[in-house]
Amino acid sequence: CMNKGAQTRDSILNKAIFIASKSGFEALTIGKLANSVGISKSGLFAHFNSKEQLQLDLLKAVSEKFNKIVIKPSIKTQSGELKLRELAKNTLKWDNADFMPGG
């Protein structure tokens, strides 16, 4: 079970993924993100300490989601063609994910 701070942080990262997928990684600003989640810039900094840390945590969160959605289910599949098909299916699922509308 996550505490409130961890839940807020995850919520912020999910919104950051959403915004970055539409407008680009570099276009994601502290101000834009703080405004979209309804907290102050200083409140956002309380969770990440810097824009660089936010970007690193954003990349890590996307990597974890990719691993969960694409890689892990594919690894469980038998080897060969079935594994490749599962990987392709999961990649399409990733490309069409609601949490990342811009791809």
PDB file of N, CA and C in Angstrom:
ATOM      1  N   CYS A   1       0.843  -1.180   0.000  1.00  0.00           N
ATOM      2  CA  CYS A   1       0.000   0.000   0.000  1.00  0.00           C
ATOM      3  C   CYS A   1       0.895   1.253   0.000  1.00  0.00           C
ATOM      4  N   MET A   2       0.592   2.191  -0.857  1.00  0.00           N
ATOM      5  CA  MET A   2       1.386   3.413  -0.968  1.00  0.00           C
ATOM      6  C   MET A   2       0.860   4.483  -0.022  1.00  0.00           C
ATOM      7  N   ASN A   3       1.785   5.277   0.499  1.00  0.00           N
ATOM      8  CA  ASN A   3       1.352   6.407   1.308  1.00  0.00           C
ATOM      9  C   ASN A   3       0.894   7.543   0.392  1.00  0.00           C
ATOM     10  N   LYS A   4       0.309   8.566   1.000  1.00  0.00           N
ATOM     11  CA  LYS A   4      -0.271   9.669   0.227  1.00  0.00           C
ATOM     12  C   LYS A   4       0.775  10.379  -0.638  1.00  0.00           C
ATOM     13  N   GLY A   5       1.966  10.568  -0.103  1.00  0.00           N
ATOM     14  CA  GLY A   5       3.032  11.218  -0.866  1.00  0.00           C
ATOM     15  C   GLY A   5       3.416  10.427  -2.106  1.00  0.00           C
ATOM     16  N   ALA A   6       3.518   9.103  -1.962  1.00  0.00           N
ATOM     17  CA  ALA A   6       3.862   8.247  -3.100  1.00  0.00           C
ATOM     18  C   ALA A   6       2.733   8.231  -4.123  1.00  0.00           C
ATOM     19  N   GLN A   7       1.490   8.242  -3.660  1.00  0.00           N
ATOM     20  CA  GLN A   7       0.346   8.275  -4.572  1.00  0.00           C
ATOM     21  C   GLN A   7       0.323   9.587  -5.355  1.00  0.00           C
ATOM     22  N   THR A   8       0.586  10.695  -4.659  1.00  0.00           N
ATOM     23  CA  THR A   8       0.624  11.999  -5.323  1.00  0.00           C
ATOM     24  C   THR A   8       1.734  12.030  -6.358  1.00  0.00           C
ATOM     25  N   ARG A   9       2.887  11.514  -5.993  1.00  0.00           N
ATOM     26  CA  ARG A   9       4.041  11.470  -6.894  1.00  0.00           C
ATOM     27  C   ARG A   9       3.707  10.646  -8.139  1.00  0.00           C
ATOM     28  N   ASP A  10       3.080   9.483  -7.963  1.00  0.00           N
ATOM     29  CA  ASP A  10       2.680   8.648  -9.099  1.00  0.00           C
ATOM     30  C   ASP A  10       1.664   9.361  -9.984  1.00  0.00           C
ATOM     31  N   SER A  11       0.745  10.067  -9.352  1.00  0.00           N
ATOM     32  CA  SER A  11      -0.259  10.823 -10.095  1.00  0.00           C
ATOM     33  C   SER A  11       0.403  11.918 -10.930  1.00  0.00           C
ATOM     34  N   ILE A  12       1.369  12.595 -10.341  1.00  0.00           N
ATOM     35  CA  ILE A  12       2.112  13.642 -11.059  1.00  0.00           C
ATOM     36  C   ILE A  12       2.872  13.034 -12.234  1.00  0.00           C
ATOM     37  N   LEU A  13       3.539  11.903 -12.008  1.00  0.00           N
ATOM     38  CA  LEU A  13       4.290  11.257 -13.085  1.00  0.00           C
ATOM     39  C   LEU A  13       3.368  10.786 -14.205  1.00  0.00           C
ATOM     40  N   ASN A  14       2.209  10.265 -13.860  1.00  0.00           N
ATOM     41  CA  ASN A  14       1.260   9.840 -14.891  1.00  0.00           C
ATOM     42  C   ASN A  14       0.801  11.024 -15.733  1.00  0.00           C
ATOM     43  N   LYS A  15       0.564  12.153 -15.093  1.00  0.00           N
ATOM     44  CA  LYS A  15       0.175  13.354 -15.835  1.00  0.00           C
ATOM     45  C   LYS A  15       1.346  13.847 -16.687  1.00  0.00           C
ATOM     46  N   ALA A  16       2.557  13.743 -16.161  1.00  0.00           N
ATOM     47  CA  ALA A  16       3.745  14.148 -16.912  1.00  0.00           C
ATOM     48  C   ALA A  16       3.919  13.283 -18.161  1.00  0.00           C
ATOM     49  N   ILE A  17       3.659  11.989 -18.043  1.00  0.00           N
ATOM     50  CA  ILE A  17       3.731  11.082 -19.193  1.00  0.00           C
ATOM     51  C   ILE A  17       2.709  11.512 -20.239  1.00  0.00           C
ATOM     52  N   PHE A  18       1.506  11.801 -19.789  1.00  0.00           N
ATOM     53  CA  PHE A  18       0.431  12.226 -20.683  1.00  0.00           C
ATOM     54  C   PHE A  18       0.824  13.490 -21.449  1.00  0.00           C
ATOM     55  N   ILE A  19       1.312  14.491 -20.716  1.00  0.00           N
ATOM     56  CA  ILE A  19       1.683  15.769 -21.331  1.00  0.00           C
ATOM     57  C   ILE A  19       2.881  15.602 -22.271  1.00  0.00           C
ATOM     58  N   ALA A  20       3.916  14.901 -21.795  1.00  0.00           N
ATOM     59  CA  ALA A  20       5.131  14.732 -22.599  1.00  0.00           C
ATOM     60  C   ALA A  20       4.853  13.950 -23.875  1.00  0.00           C
ATOM     61  N   SER A  21       3.902  13.018 -23.815  1.00  0.00           N
ATOM     62  CA  SER A  21       3.600  12.238 -25.016  1.00  0.00           C
ATOM     63  C   SER A  21       2.936  13.102 -26.090  1.00  0.00           C
ATOM     64  N   LYS A  22       2.257  14.160 -25.662  1.00  0.00           N
ATOM     65  CA  LYS A  22       1.569  15.036 -26.609  1.00  0.00           C
ATOM     66  C   LYS A  22       2.446  16.198 -27.084  1.00  0.00           C
ATOM     67  N   SER A  23       3.232  16.762 -26.166  1.00  0.00           N
ATOM     68  CA  SER A  23       3.964  17.979 -26.518  1.00  0.00           C
ATOM     69  C   SER A  23       5.478  17.799 -26.562  1.00  0.00           C
ATOM     70  N   GLY A  24       5.963  16.639 -26.160  1.00  0.00           N
ATOM     71  CA  GLY A  24       7.399  16.385 -26.192  1.00  0.00           C
ATOM     72  C   GLY A  24       8.045  16.491 -24.822  1.00  0.00           C
ATOM     73  N   PHE A  25       9.098  15.752 -24.660  1.00  0.00           N
ATOM     74  CA  PHE A  25       9.816  15.672 -23.385  1.00  0.00           C
ATOM     75  C   PHE A  25      10.352  17.029 -22.940  1.00  0.00           C
ATOM     76  N   GLU A  26      10.983  17.741 -23.842  1.00  0.00           N
ATOM     77  CA  GLU A  26      11.577  19.036 -23.500  1.00  0.00           C
ATOM     78  C   GLU A  26      10.526  20.122 -23.270  1.00  0.00           C
ATOM     79  N   ALA A  27       9.345  19.947 -23.849  1.00  0.00           N
ATOM     80  CA  ALA A  27       8.283  20.947 -23.684  1.00  0.00           C
ATOM     81  C   ALA A  27       7.576  20.831 -22.339  1.00  0.00           C
ATOM     82  N   LEU A  28       7.807  19.736 -21.642  1.00  0.00           N
ATOM     83  CA  LEU A  28       7.205  19.561 -20.317  1.00  0.00           C
ATOM     84  C   LEU A  28       7.896  20.507 -19.336  1.00  0.00           C
ATOM     85  N   THR A  29       7.142  21.455 -18.815  1.00  0.00           N
ATOM     86  CA  THR A  29       7.714  22.406 -17.862  1.00  0.00           C
ATOM     87  C   THR A  29       7.120  22.173 -16.478  1.00  0.00           C
ATOM     88  N   ILE A  30       7.848  22.638 -15.479  1.00  0.00           N
ATOM     89  CA  ILE A  30       7.371  22.543 -14.103  1.00  0.00           C
ATOM     90  C   ILE A  30       6.047  23.283 -13.967  1.00  0.00           C
ATOM     91  N   GLY A  31       5.968  24.466 -14.551  1.00  0.00           N
ATOM     92  CA  GLY A  31       4.747  25.273 -14.464  1.00  0.00           C
ATOM     93  C   GLY A  31       3.552  24.602 -15.109  1.00  0.00           C
ATOM     94  N   LYS A  32       3.736  24.078 -16.328  1.00  0.00           N
ATOM     95  CA  LYS A  32       2.660  23.406 -17.046  1.00  0.00           C
ATOM     96  C   LYS A  32       2.180  22.176 -16.273  1.00  0.00           C
ATOM     97  N   LEU A  33       3.119  21.404 -15.752  1.00  0.00           N
ATOM     98  CA  LEU A  33       2.769  20.202 -15.009  1.00  0.00           C
ATOM     99  C   LEU A  33       2.079  20.543 -13.691  1.00  0.00           C
ATOM    100  N   ALA A  34       2.621  21.510 -12.970  1.00  0.00           N
ATOM    101  CA  ALA A  34       2.011  21.917 -11.692  1.00  0.00           C
ATOM    102  C   ALA A  34       0.577  22.398 -11.922  1.00  0.00           C
ATOM    103  N   ASN A  35       0.389  23.192 -12.947  1.00  0.00           N
ATOM    104  CA  ASN A  35      -0.938  23.706 -13.270  1.00  0.00           C
ATOM    105  C   ASN A  35      -1.909  22.569 -13.611  1.00  0.00           C
ATOM    106  N   SER A  36      -1.445  21.601 -14.374  1.00  0.00           N
ATOM    107  CA  SER A  36      -2.336  20.523 -14.816  1.00  0.00           C
ATOM    108  C   SER A  36      -2.708  19.556 -13.693  1.00  0.00           C
ATOM    109  N   VAL A  37      -1.870  19.444 -12.673  1.00  0.00           N
ATOM    110  CA  VAL A  37      -2.232  18.576 -11.540  1.00  0.00           C
ATOM    111  C   VAL A  37      -2.826  19.362 -10.374  1.00  0.00           C
ATOM    112  N   GLY A  38      -2.861  20.680 -10.524  1.00  0.00           N
ATOM    113  CA  GLY A  38      -3.511  21.515  -9.515  1.00  0.00           C
ATOM    114  C   GLY A  38      -2.712  21.738  -8.246  1.00  0.00           C
ATOM    115  N   ILE A  39      -1.391  21.797  -8.394  1.00  0.00           N
ATOM    116  CA  ILE A  39      -0.553  22.128  -7.240  1.00  0.00           C
ATOM    117  C   ILE A  39       0.398  23.257  -7.624  1.00  0.00           C
ATOM    118  N   SER A  40       1.022  23.831  -6.622  1.00  0.00           N
ATOM    119  CA  SER A  40       1.967  24.916  -6.882  1.00  0.00           C
ATOM    120  C   SER A  40       3.290  24.349  -7.401  1.00  0.00           C
ATOM    121  N   LYS A  41       4.084  25.227  -7.990  1.00  0.00           N
ATOM    122  CA  LYS A  41       5.411  24.809  -8.441  1.00  0.00           C
ATOM    123  C   LYS A  41       6.243  24.308  -7.256  1.00  0.00           C
ATOM    124  N   SER A  42       6.129  25.002  -6.126  1.00  0.00           N
ATOM    125  CA  SER A  42       6.898  24.574  -4.955  1.00  0.00           C
ATOM    126  C   SER A  42       6.403  23.216  -4.450  1.00  0.00           C
ATOM    127  N   GLY A  43       5.098  22.958  -4.584  1.00  0.00           N
ATOM    128  CA  GLY A  43       4.557  21.657  -4.218  1.00  0.00           C
ATOM    129  C   GLY A  43       5.107  20.564  -5.109  1.00  0.00           C
ATOM    130  N   LEU A  44       5.264  20.884  -6.383  1.00  0.00           N
ATOM    131  CA  LEU A  44       5.836  19.922  -7.319  1.00  0.00           C
ATOM    132  C   LEU A  44       7.310  19.688  -6.998  1.00  0.00           C
ATOM    133  N   PHE A  45       8.021  20.761  -6.688  1.00  0.00           N
ATOM    134  CA  PHE A  45       9.439  20.636  -6.332  1.00  0.00           C
ATOM    135  C   PHE A  45       9.625  19.819  -5.060  1.00  0.00           C
ATOM    136  N   ALA A  46       8.634  19.814  -4.186  1.00  0.00           N
ATOM    137  CA  ALA A  46       8.729  19.009  -2.968  1.00  0.00           C
ATOM    138  C   ALA A  46       8.825  17.520  -3.304  1.00  0.00           C
ATOM    139  N   HIS A  47       8.280  17.137  -4.447  1.00  0.00           N
ATOM    140  CA  HIS A  47       8.314  15.732  -4.855  1.00  0.00           C
ATOM    141  C   HIS A  47       9.539  15.385  -5.696  1.00  0.00           C
ATOM    142  N   PHE A  48      10.098  16.355  -6.421  1.00  0.00           N
ATOM    143  CA  PHE A  48      11.165  16.039  -7.380  1.00  0.00           C
ATOM    144  C   PHE A  48      12.453  16.843  -7.217  1.00  0.00           C
ATOM    145  N   ASN A  49      12.427  17.950  -6.508  1.00  0.00           N
ATOM    146  CA  ASN A  49      13.604  18.782  -6.214  1.00  0.00           C
ATOM    147  C   ASN A  49      14.185  19.546  -7.403  1.00  0.00           C
ATOM    148  N   SER A  50      13.972  19.085  -8.630  1.00  0.00           N
ATOM    149  CA  SER A  50      14.496  19.801  -9.806  1.00  0.00           C
ATOM    150  C   SER A  50      13.802  19.287 -11.060  1.00  0.00           C
ATOM    151  N   LYS A  51      13.907  20.072 -12.119  1.00  0.00           N
ATOM    152  CA  LYS A  51      13.353  19.635 -13.401  1.00  0.00           C
ATOM    153  C   LYS A  51      14.095  18.393 -13.881  1.00  0.00           C
ATOM    154  N   GLU A  52      15.396  18.359 -13.657  1.00  0.00           N
ATOM    155  CA  GLU A  52      16.194  17.206 -14.072  1.00  0.00           C
ATOM    156  C   GLU A  52      15.735  15.936 -13.369  1.00  0.00           C
ATOM    157  N   GLN A  53      15.443  16.029 -12.060  1.00  0.00           N
ATOM    158  CA  GLN A  53      14.972  14.851 -11.327  1.00  0.00           C
ATOM    159  C   GLN A  53      13.597  14.416 -11.831  1.00  0.00           C
ATOM    160  N   LEU A  54      12.745  15.382 -12.128  1.00  0.00           N
ATOM    161  CA  LEU A  54      11.441  15.068 -12.706  1.00  0.00           C
ATOM    162  C   LEU A  54      11.624  14.318 -14.026  1.00  0.00           C
ATOM    163  N   GLN A  55      12.519  14.799 -14.883  1.00  0.00           N
ATOM    164  CA  GLN A  55      12.759  14.147 -16.170  1.00  0.00           C
ATOM    165  C   GLN A  55      13.301  12.731 -15.987  1.00  0.00           C
ATOM    166  N   LEU A  56      14.238  12.564 -15.064  1.00  0.00           N
ATOM    167  CA  LEU A  56      14.779  11.224 -14.805  1.00  0.00           C
ATOM    168  C   LEU A  56      13.704  10.286 -14.284  1.00  0.00           C
ATOM    169  N   ASP A  57      12.894  10.777 -13.355  1.00  0.00           N
ATOM    170  CA  ASP A  57      11.826   9.953 -12.804  1.00  0.00           C
ATOM    171  C   ASP A  57      10.759   9.653 -13.850  1.00  0.00           C
ATOM    172  N   LEU A  58      10.523  10.599 -14.749  1.00  0.00           N
ATOM    173  CA  LEU A  58       9.577  10.389 -15.844  1.00  0.00           C
ATOM    174  C   LEU A  58      10.080   9.272 -16.764  1.00  0.00           C
ATOM    175  N   LEU A  59      11.352   9.314 -17.127  1.00  0.00           N
ATOM    176  CA  LEU A  59      11.928   8.270 -17.972  1.00  0.00           C
ATOM    177  C   LEU A  59      11.856   6.909 -17.284  1.00  0.00           C
ATOM    178  N   LYS A  60      12.131   6.883 -15.996  1.00  0.00           N
ATOM    179  CA  LYS A  60      12.064   5.628 -15.243  1.00  0.00           C
ATOM    180  C   LYS A  60      10.630   5.099 -15.210  1.00  0.00           C
ATOM    181  N   ALA A  61       9.656   5.977 -15.004  1.00  0.00           N
ATOM    182  CA  ALA A  61       8.251   5.560 -14.950  1.00  0.00           C
ATOM    183  C   ALA A  61       7.795   5.003 -16.295  1.00  0.00           C
ATOM    184  N   VAL A  62       8.198   5.651 -17.386  1.00  0.00           N
ATOM    185  CA  VAL A  62       7.840   5.165 -18.720  1.00  0.00           C
ATOM    186  C   VAL A  62       8.505   3.815 -18.976  1.00  0.00           C
ATOM    187  N   SER A  63       9.751   3.681 -18.576  1.00  0.00           N
ATOM    188  CA  SER A  63      10.473   2.423 -18.740  1.00  0.00           C
ATOM    189  C   SER A  63       9.783   1.292 -17.974  1.00  0.00           C
ATOM    190  N   GLU A  64       9.360   1.577 -16.754  1.00  0.00           N
ATOM    191  CA  GLU A  64       8.666   0.568 -15.949  1.00  0.00           C
ATOM    192  C   GLU A  64       7.337   0.170 -16.594  1.00  0.00           C
ATOM    193  N   LYS A  65       6.602   1.147 -17.119  1.00  0.00           N
ATOM    194  CA  LYS A  65       5.332   0.851 -17.797  1.00  0.00           C
ATOM    195  C   LYS A  65       5.584   0.012 -19.057  1.00  0.00           C
ATOM    196  N   PHE A  66       6.610   0.356 -19.822  1.00  0.00           N
ATOM    197  CA  PHE A  66       6.939  -0.402 -21.032  1.00  0.00           C
ATOM    198  C   PHE A  66       7.279  -1.848 -20.669  1.00  0.00           C
ATOM    199  N   ASN A  67       8.062  -2.004 -19.639  1.00  0.00           N
ATOM    200  CA  ASN A  67       8.440  -3.340 -19.187  1.00  0.00           C
ATOM    201  C   ASN A  67       7.203  -4.145 -18.771  1.00  0.00           C
ATOM    202  N   LYS A  68       6.290  -3.501 -18.059  1.00  0.00           N
ATOM    203  CA  LYS A  68       5.085  -4.169 -17.574  1.00  0.00           C
ATOM    204  C   LYS A  68       4.119  -4.522 -18.721  1.00  0.00           C
ATOM    205  N   ILE A  69       3.973  -3.624 -19.678  1.00  0.00           N
ATOM    206  CA  ILE A  69       2.994  -3.798 -20.752  1.00  0.00           C
ATOM    207  C   ILE A  69       3.544  -4.608 -21.927  1.00  0.00           C
ATOM    208  N   VAL A  70       4.810  -4.417 -22.274  1.00  0.00           N
ATOM    209  CA  VAL A  70       5.355  -5.039 -23.489  1.00  0.00           C
ATOM    210  C   VAL A  70       6.277  -6.221 -23.186  1.00  0.00           C
ATOM    211  N   ILE A  71       7.277  -5.998 -22.371  1.00  0.00           N
ATOM    212  CA  ILE A  71       8.333  -7.001 -22.192  1.00  0.00           C
ATOM    213  C   ILE A  71       7.900  -8.199 -21.343  1.00  0.00           C
ATOM    214  N   LYS A  72       7.453  -7.949 -20.115  1.00  0.00           N
ATOM    215  CA  LYS A  72       7.147  -9.063 -19.208  1.00  0.00           C
ATOM    216  C   LYS A  72       6.110 -10.038 -19.760  1.00  0.00           C
ATOM    217  N   PRO A  73       4.988  -9.566 -20.324  1.00  0.00           N
ATOM    218  CA  PRO A  73       4.035 -10.536 -20.877  1.00  0.00           C
ATOM    219  C   PRO A  73       4.627 -11.332 -22.047  1.00  0.00           C
ATOM    220  N   SER A  74       5.516 -10.722 -22.792  1.00  0.00           N
ATOM    221  CA  SER A  74       6.124 -11.404 -23.938  1.00  0.00           C
ATOM    222  C   SER A  74       7.099 -12.482 -23.489  1.00  0.00           C
ATOM    223  N   ILE A  75       7.800 -12.230 -22.412  1.00  0.00           N
ATOM    224  CA  ILE A  75       8.774 -13.191 -21.890  1.00  0.00           C
ATOM    225  C   ILE A  75       8.079 -14.472 -21.429  1.00  0.00           C
ATOM    226  N   LYS A  76       6.867 -14.346 -20.927  1.00  0.00           N
ATOM    227  CA  LYS A  76       6.128 -15.502 -20.418  1.00  0.00           C
ATOM    228  C   LYS A  76       5.681 -16.443 -21.533  1.00  0.00           C
ATOM    229  N   THR A  77       5.669 -15.956 -22.760  1.00  0.00           N
ATOM    230  CA  THR A  77       5.217 -16.736 -23.912  1.00  0.00           C
ATOM    231  C   THR A  77       6.315 -17.706 -24.349  1.00  0.00           C
ATOM    232  N   GLN A  78       5.896 -18.809 -24.959  1.00  0.00           N
ATOM    233  CA  GLN A  78       6.856 -19.781 -25.487  1.00  0.00           C
ATOM    234  C   GLN A  78       7.801 -19.103 -26.466  1.00  0.00           C
ATOM    235  N   SER A  79       8.929 -19.716 -26.655  1.00  0.00           N
ATOM    236  CA  SER A  79       9.931 -19.121 -27.538  1.00  0.00           C
ATOM    237  C   SER A  79       9.518 -19.196 -29.004  1.00  0.00           C
ATOM    238  N   GLY A  80      10.246 -18.483 -29.824  1.00  0.00           N
ATOM    239  CA  GLY A  80      10.032 -18.532 -31.259  1.00  0.00           C
ATOM    240  C   GLY A  80       8.979 -17.564 -31.748  1.00  0.00           C
ATOM    241  N   GLU A  81       8.225 -18.027 -32.734  1.00  0.00           N
ATOM    242  CA  GLU A  81       7.252 -17.182 -33.407  1.00  0.00           C
ATOM    243  C   GLU A  81       6.188 -16.655 -32.446  1.00  0.00           C
ATOM    244  N   LEU A  82       5.735 -17.483 -31.502  1.00  0.00           N
ATOM    245  CA  LEU A  82       4.704 -17.036 -30.546  1.00  0.00           C
ATOM    246  C   LEU A  82       5.196 -15.872 -29.696  1.00  0.00           C
ATOM    247  N   LYS A  83       6.433 -15.943 -29.293  1.00  0.00           N
ATOM    248  CA  LYS A  83       7.022 -14.855 -28.491  1.00  0.00           C
ATOM    249  C   LYS A  83       7.089 -13.569 -29.304  1.00  0.00           C
ATOM    250  N   LEU A  84       7.492 -13.697 -30.551  1.00  0.00           N
ATOM    251  CA  LEU A  84       7.580 -12.538 -31.430  1.00  0.00           C
ATOM    252  C   LEU A  84       6.198 -11.933 -31.685  1.00  0.00           C
ATOM    253  N   ARG A  85       5.195 -12.770 -31.890  1.00  0.00           N
ATOM    254  CA  ARG A  85       3.828 -12.290 -32.081  1.00  0.00           C
ATOM    255  C   ARG A  85       3.317 -11.566 -30.833  1.00  0.00           C
ATOM    256  N   GLU A  86       3.593 -12.133 -29.676  1.00  0.00           N
ATOM    257  CA  GLU A  86       3.170 -11.514 -28.416  1.00  0.00           C
ATOM    258  C   GLU A  86       3.862 -10.163 -28.228  1.00  0.00           C
ATOM    259  N   LEU A  87       5.124 -10.104 -28.555  1.00  0.00           N
ATOM    260  CA  LEU A  87       5.873  -8.849 -28.458  1.00  0.00           C
ATOM    261  C   LEU A  87       5.275  -7.801 -29.395  1.00  0.00           C
ATOM    262  N   ALA A  88       4.938  -8.196 -30.616  1.00  0.00           N
ATOM    263  CA  ALA A  88       4.325  -7.266 -31.571  1.00  0.00           C
ATOM    264  C   ALA A  88       2.955  -6.808 -31.080  1.00  0.00           C
ATOM    265  N   LYS A  89       2.150  -7.730 -30.581  1.00  0.00           N
ATOM    266  CA  LYS A  89       0.817  -7.390 -30.063  1.00  0.00           C
ATOM    267  C   LYS A  89       0.933  -6.409 -28.891  1.00  0.00           C
ATOM    268  N   ASN A  90       1.872  -6.679 -27.995  1.00  0.00           N
ATOM    269  CA  ASN A  90       2.040  -5.808 -26.834  1.00  0.00           C
ATOM    270  C   ASN A  90       2.608  -4.444 -27.222  1.00  0.00           C
ATOM    271  N   THR A  91       3.425  -4.401 -28.262  1.00  0.00           N
ATOM    272  CA  THR A  91       3.952  -3.130 -28.751  1.00  0.00           C
ATOM    273  C   THR A  91       2.825  -2.278 -29.324  1.00  0.00           C
ATOM    274  N   LEU A  92       1.898  -2.901 -30.045  1.00  0.00           N
ATOM    275  CA  LEU A  92       0.736  -2.174 -30.561  1.00  0.00           C
ATOM    276  C   LEU A  92      -0.138  -1.672 -29.412  1.00  0.00           C
ATOM    277  N   LYS A  93      -0.272  -2.488 -28.374  1.00  0.00           N
ATOM    278  CA  LYS A  93      -1.029  -2.071 -27.189  1.00  0.00           C
ATOM    279  C   LYS A  93      -0.354  -0.835 -26.564  1.00  0.00           C
ATOM    280  N   TRP A  94       0.969  -0.856 -26.506  1.00  0.00           N
ATOM    281  CA  TRP A  94       1.742   0.266 -25.973  1.00  0.00           C
ATOM    282  C   TRP A  94       1.520   1.524 -26.819  1.00  0.00           C
ATOM    283  N   ASP A  95       1.585   1.349 -28.129  1.00  0.00           N
ATOM    284  CA  ASP A  95       1.420   2.491 -29.035  1.00  0.00           C
ATOM    285  C   ASP A  95       0.037   3.135 -28.933  1.00  0.00           C
ATOM    286  N   ASN A  96      -0.952   2.366 -28.530  1.00  0.00           N
ATOM    287  CA  ASN A  96      -2.326   2.860 -28.441  1.00  0.00           C
ATOM    288  C   ASN A  96      -2.788   3.101 -27.008  1.00  0.00           C
ATOM    289  N   ALA A  97      -1.864   3.176 -26.071  1.00  0.00           N
ATOM    290  CA  ALA A  97      -2.201   3.324 -24.650  1.00  0.00           C
ATOM    291  C   ALA A  97      -2.867   4.679 -24.382  1.00  0.00           C
ATOM    292  N   ASP A  98      -3.951   4.659 -23.614  1.00  0.00           N
ATOM    293  CA  ASP A  98      -4.664   5.882 -23.263  1.00  0.00           C
ATOM    294  C   ASP A  98      -3.828   6.849 -22.438  1.00  0.00           C
ATOM    295  N   PHE A  99      -2.920   6.317 -21.627  1.00  0.00           N
ATOM    296  CA  PHE A  99      -2.120   7.185 -20.752  1.00  0.00           C
ATOM    297  C   PHE A  99      -1.057   7.951 -21.531  1.00  0.00           C
ATOM    298  N   MET A 100      -0.875   7.612 -22.803  1.00  0.00           N
ATOM    299  CA  MET A 100       0.172   8.219 -23.615  1.00  0.00           C
ATOM    300  C   MET A 100      -0.398   8.531 -24.996  1.00  0.00           C
ATOM    301  N   PRO A 101      -1.327   9.480 -25.086  1.00  0.00           N
ATOM    302  CA  PRO A 101      -2.051   9.691 -26.337  1.00  0.00           C
ATOM    303  C   PRO A 101      -1.199  10.161 -27.509  1.00  0.00           C
ATOM    304  N   GLY A 102      -0.053  10.722 -27.232  1.00  0.00           N
ATOM    305  CA  GLY A 102       0.801  11.198 -28.315  1.00  0.00           C
ATOM    306  C   GLY A 102       1.836  10.183 -28.756  1.00  0.00           C
ATOM    307  N   GLY A 103       1.835   9.025 -28.139  1.00  0.00           N
ATOM    308  CA  GLY A 103       2.798   7.977 -28.474  1.00  0.00           C
ATOM    309  C   GLY A 103       4.118   8.156 -27.785  1.00  0.00           C
TER     310      GLY A 103
END
